[in-house]
Amino acid sequence: MVIKSYSKINLSLKVTSKSKNNLHEIQSIFCWLDLFDTIKIKKTKKNFDEINFIGPFAKFVKKKIILLTFF
């Protein structure tokens, strides 16, 4: 599966409060852009999921993230 993850610009971002589960509630005004990252997803027979970053901005993130999946 290949999907596009579109970019956005926050024009306004205000943290309004903190919830009981320590997440912050926000008010935001944003604008979607016609720029995107391409995400490729494929099923494997491994007992864990891998996320690999490829592209011009990959050097700014870890090269490989492993997510352990328990069922």
N, C-alpha and C. Protein backbone atom coordinates (compact mmCIF):
# COMPACT_ATOMS: atom_id res chain seq x y z
N MET A 1 0.85 -1.16 0.00
CA MET A 1 0.00 0.00 0.00
C MET A 1 0.91 1.24 0.00
N VAL A 2 0.58 2.21 -0.79
CA VAL A 2 1.30 3.48 -0.84
C VAL A 2 0.31 4.59 -0.55
N ILE A 3 0.64 5.44 0.44
CA ILE A 3 -0.23 6.56 0.78
C ILE A 3 0.59 7.84 0.85
N LYS A 4 -0.08 8.96 0.72
CA LYS A 4 0.57 10.26 0.81
C LYS A 4 0.24 10.88 2.17
N SER A 5 1.26 11.41 2.83
CA SER A 5 1.08 12.12 4.10
C SER A 5 1.32 13.60 3.82
N TYR A 6 0.23 14.36 3.71
CA TYR A 6 0.33 15.76 3.31
C TYR A 6 0.82 16.65 4.45
N SER A 7 1.49 17.73 4.08
CA SER A 7 2.03 18.70 5.02
C SER A 7 0.98 19.73 5.38
N LYS A 8 1.21 20.40 6.50
CA LYS A 8 0.34 21.52 6.89
C LYS A 8 1.18 22.57 7.57
N ILE A 9 0.69 23.79 7.56
CA ILE A 9 1.32 24.90 8.28
C ILE A 9 0.35 25.36 9.34
N ASN A 10 0.83 25.42 10.59
CA ASN A 10 0.01 25.98 11.67
C ASN A 10 0.06 27.50 11.57
N LEU A 11 -1.08 28.11 11.31
CA LEU A 11 -1.16 29.57 11.28
C LEU A 11 -1.35 30.12 12.68
N SER A 12 -1.99 29.32 13.52
CA SER A 12 -2.20 29.68 14.92
C SER A 12 -2.28 28.39 15.72
N LEU A 13 -1.64 28.37 16.88
CA LEU A 13 -1.67 27.20 17.73
C LEU A 13 -1.67 27.65 19.18
N LYS A 14 -2.71 27.29 19.91
CA LYS A 14 -2.85 27.70 21.31
C LYS A 14 -3.11 26.47 22.16
N VAL A 15 -2.29 26.26 23.20
CA VAL A 15 -2.52 25.18 24.15
C VAL A 15 -3.53 25.70 25.16
N THR A 16 -4.70 25.04 25.24
CA THR A 16 -5.78 25.56 26.08
C THR A 16 -5.80 24.95 27.47
N SER A 17 -5.52 23.66 27.59
CA SER A 17 -5.53 23.02 28.90
C SER A 17 -4.84 21.67 28.80
N LYS A 18 -4.70 21.03 29.96
CA LYS A 18 -4.09 19.71 30.01
C LYS A 18 -5.13 18.74 30.55
N SER A 19 -5.34 17.62 29.88
CA SER A 19 -6.35 16.66 30.30
C SER A 19 -5.81 15.76 31.42
N LYS A 20 -6.68 14.94 31.97
CA LYS A 20 -6.29 14.05 33.07
C LYS A 20 -5.26 13.01 32.64
N ASN A 21 -5.23 12.68 31.36
CA ASN A 21 -4.25 11.70 30.87
C ASN A 21 -2.98 12.37 30.36
N ASN A 22 -2.74 13.61 30.77
CA ASN A 22 -1.54 14.40 30.46
C ASN A 22 -1.39 14.79 29.00
N LEU A 23 -2.46 14.69 28.20
CA LEU A 23 -2.43 15.22 26.85
C LEU A 23 -2.88 16.67 26.88
N HIS A 24 -2.37 17.46 25.96
CA HIS A 24 -2.74 18.87 25.91
C HIS A 24 -3.86 19.07 24.89
N GLU A 25 -4.84 19.85 25.28
CA GLU A 25 -5.89 20.24 24.36
C GLU A 25 -5.44 21.51 23.66
N ILE A 26 -5.72 21.59 22.36
CA ILE A 26 -5.25 22.73 21.58
C ILE A 26 -6.38 23.31 20.74
N GLN A 27 -6.19 24.55 20.36
CA GLN A 27 -6.98 25.20 19.32
C GLN A 27 -6.00 25.54 18.21
N SER A 28 -6.35 25.21 16.98
CA SER A 28 -5.40 25.41 15.90
C SER A 28 -6.11 25.88 14.63
N ILE A 29 -5.46 26.76 13.93
CA ILE A 29 -5.86 27.14 12.58
C ILE A 29 -4.70 26.75 11.69
N PHE A 30 -4.97 25.94 10.67
CA PHE A 30 -3.88 25.47 9.81
C PHE A 30 -4.31 25.44 8.36
N CYS A 31 -3.32 25.30 7.52
CA CYS A 31 -3.53 25.28 6.07
C CYS A 31 -2.81 24.06 5.50
N TRP A 32 -3.53 23.22 4.75
CA TRP A 32 -2.91 22.07 4.10
C TRP A 32 -2.09 22.54 2.91
N LEU A 33 -1.00 21.85 2.64
CA LEU A 33 -0.13 22.16 1.50
C LEU A 33 -0.19 21.02 0.50
N ASP A 34 0.26 21.30 -0.70
CA ASP A 34 0.30 20.27 -1.73
C ASP A 34 1.68 19.59 -1.74
N LEU A 35 2.32 19.53 -0.59
CA LEU A 35 3.59 18.81 -0.41
C LEU A 35 3.30 17.60 0.45
N PHE A 36 3.97 16.50 0.17
CA PHE A 36 3.68 15.29 0.93
C PHE A 36 4.88 14.37 0.97
N ASP A 37 4.88 13.50 1.99
CA ASP A 37 5.79 12.37 2.05
C ASP A 37 5.03 11.16 1.52
N THR A 38 5.74 10.27 0.89
CA THR A 38 5.12 9.03 0.42
C THR A 38 5.43 7.94 1.44
N ILE A 39 4.39 7.27 1.90
CA ILE A 39 4.54 6.19 2.87
C ILE A 39 4.19 4.88 2.18
N LYS A 40 5.13 3.94 2.23
CA LYS A 40 4.91 2.62 1.64
C LYS A 40 4.77 1.62 2.78
N ILE A 41 3.70 0.84 2.75
CA ILE A 41 3.41 -0.14 3.80
C ILE A 41 3.33 -1.51 3.14
N LYS A 42 4.05 -2.47 3.73
CA LYS A 42 3.95 -3.83 3.20
C LYS A 42 3.94 -4.81 4.36
N LYS A 43 3.21 -5.88 4.20
CA LYS A 43 3.09 -6.90 5.22
C LYS A 43 4.30 -7.82 5.16
N THR A 44 4.81 -8.17 6.34
CA THR A 44 5.93 -9.10 6.43
C THR A 44 5.54 -10.25 7.35
N LYS A 45 6.38 -11.24 7.40
CA LYS A 45 6.12 -12.39 8.26
C LYS A 45 6.93 -12.30 9.55
N LYS A 46 7.41 -11.13 9.90
CA LYS A 46 8.20 -10.93 11.10
C LYS A 46 7.28 -10.74 12.31
N ASN A 47 7.84 -10.89 13.50
CA ASN A 47 7.07 -10.68 14.74
C ASN A 47 7.13 -9.24 15.20
N PHE A 48 7.62 -8.36 14.36
CA PHE A 48 7.67 -6.94 14.70
C PHE A 48 7.49 -6.13 13.43
N ASP A 49 7.18 -4.86 13.63
CA ASP A 49 7.01 -3.95 12.50
C ASP A 49 8.25 -3.08 12.39
N GLU A 50 8.64 -2.75 11.18
CA GLU A 50 9.76 -1.85 10.94
C GLU A 50 9.26 -0.62 10.21
N ILE A 51 9.82 0.52 10.56
CA ILE A 51 9.57 1.75 9.82
C ILE A 51 10.92 2.24 9.33
N ASN A 52 11.09 2.32 8.04
CA ASN A 52 12.34 2.80 7.45
C ASN A 52 12.08 4.13 6.77
N PHE A 53 12.98 5.07 6.94
CA PHE A 53 12.85 6.40 6.35
C PHE A 53 13.83 6.52 5.19
N ILE A 54 13.29 6.88 4.02
CA ILE A 54 14.09 7.03 2.82
C ILE A 54 13.71 8.36 2.17
N GLY A 55 14.67 9.12 1.74
CA GLY A 55 14.38 10.37 1.07
C GLY A 55 15.27 11.49 1.56
N PRO A 56 15.07 12.70 1.04
CA PRO A 56 15.98 13.80 1.34
C PRO A 56 15.98 14.23 2.81
N PHE A 57 14.93 13.97 3.56
CA PHE A 57 14.87 14.39 4.96
C PHE A 57 15.11 13.24 5.92
N ALA A 58 15.42 12.06 5.40
CA ALA A 58 15.62 10.89 6.24
C ALA A 58 16.80 11.07 7.18
N LYS A 59 17.76 11.90 6.82
CA LYS A 59 18.92 12.08 7.69
C LYS A 59 18.56 12.77 9.00
N PHE A 60 17.37 13.35 9.10
CA PHE A 60 16.96 14.04 10.31
C PHE A 60 16.22 13.13 11.30
N VAL A 61 15.98 11.89 10.92
CA VAL A 61 15.30 10.94 11.81
C VAL A 61 16.13 9.66 11.90
N LYS A 62 15.79 8.83 12.88
CA LYS A 62 16.49 7.55 13.00
C LYS A 62 16.26 6.75 11.73
N LYS A 63 17.25 6.03 11.30
CA LYS A 63 17.15 5.28 10.05
C LYS A 63 16.19 4.10 10.13
N LYS A 64 16.04 3.52 11.30
CA LYS A 64 15.14 2.38 11.42
C LYS A 64 14.49 2.40 12.79
N ILE A 65 13.19 2.26 12.82
CA ILE A 65 12.44 2.17 14.06
C ILE A 65 11.76 0.80 14.06
N ILE A 66 11.89 0.08 15.15
CA ILE A 66 11.26 -1.23 15.27
C ILE A 66 10.14 -1.13 16.29
N LEU A 67 8.94 -1.50 15.89
CA LEU A 67 7.78 -1.50 16.78
C LEU A 67 7.46 -2.94 17.13
N LEU A 68 7.51 -3.27 18.39
CA LEU A 68 7.16 -4.63 18.80
C LEU A 68 5.65 -4.76 18.84
N THR A 69 5.14 -5.82 18.29
CA THR A 69 3.70 -6.05 18.23
C THR A 69 3.38 -7.30 19.04
N PHE A 70 2.49 -7.15 20.01
CA PHE A 70 2.09 -8.28 20.83
C PHE A 70 0.63 -8.58 20.61
N PHE A 71 0.31 -9.81 20.33
CA PHE A 71 -1.08 -10.22 20.11
C PHE A 71 -1.42 -11.36 21.05
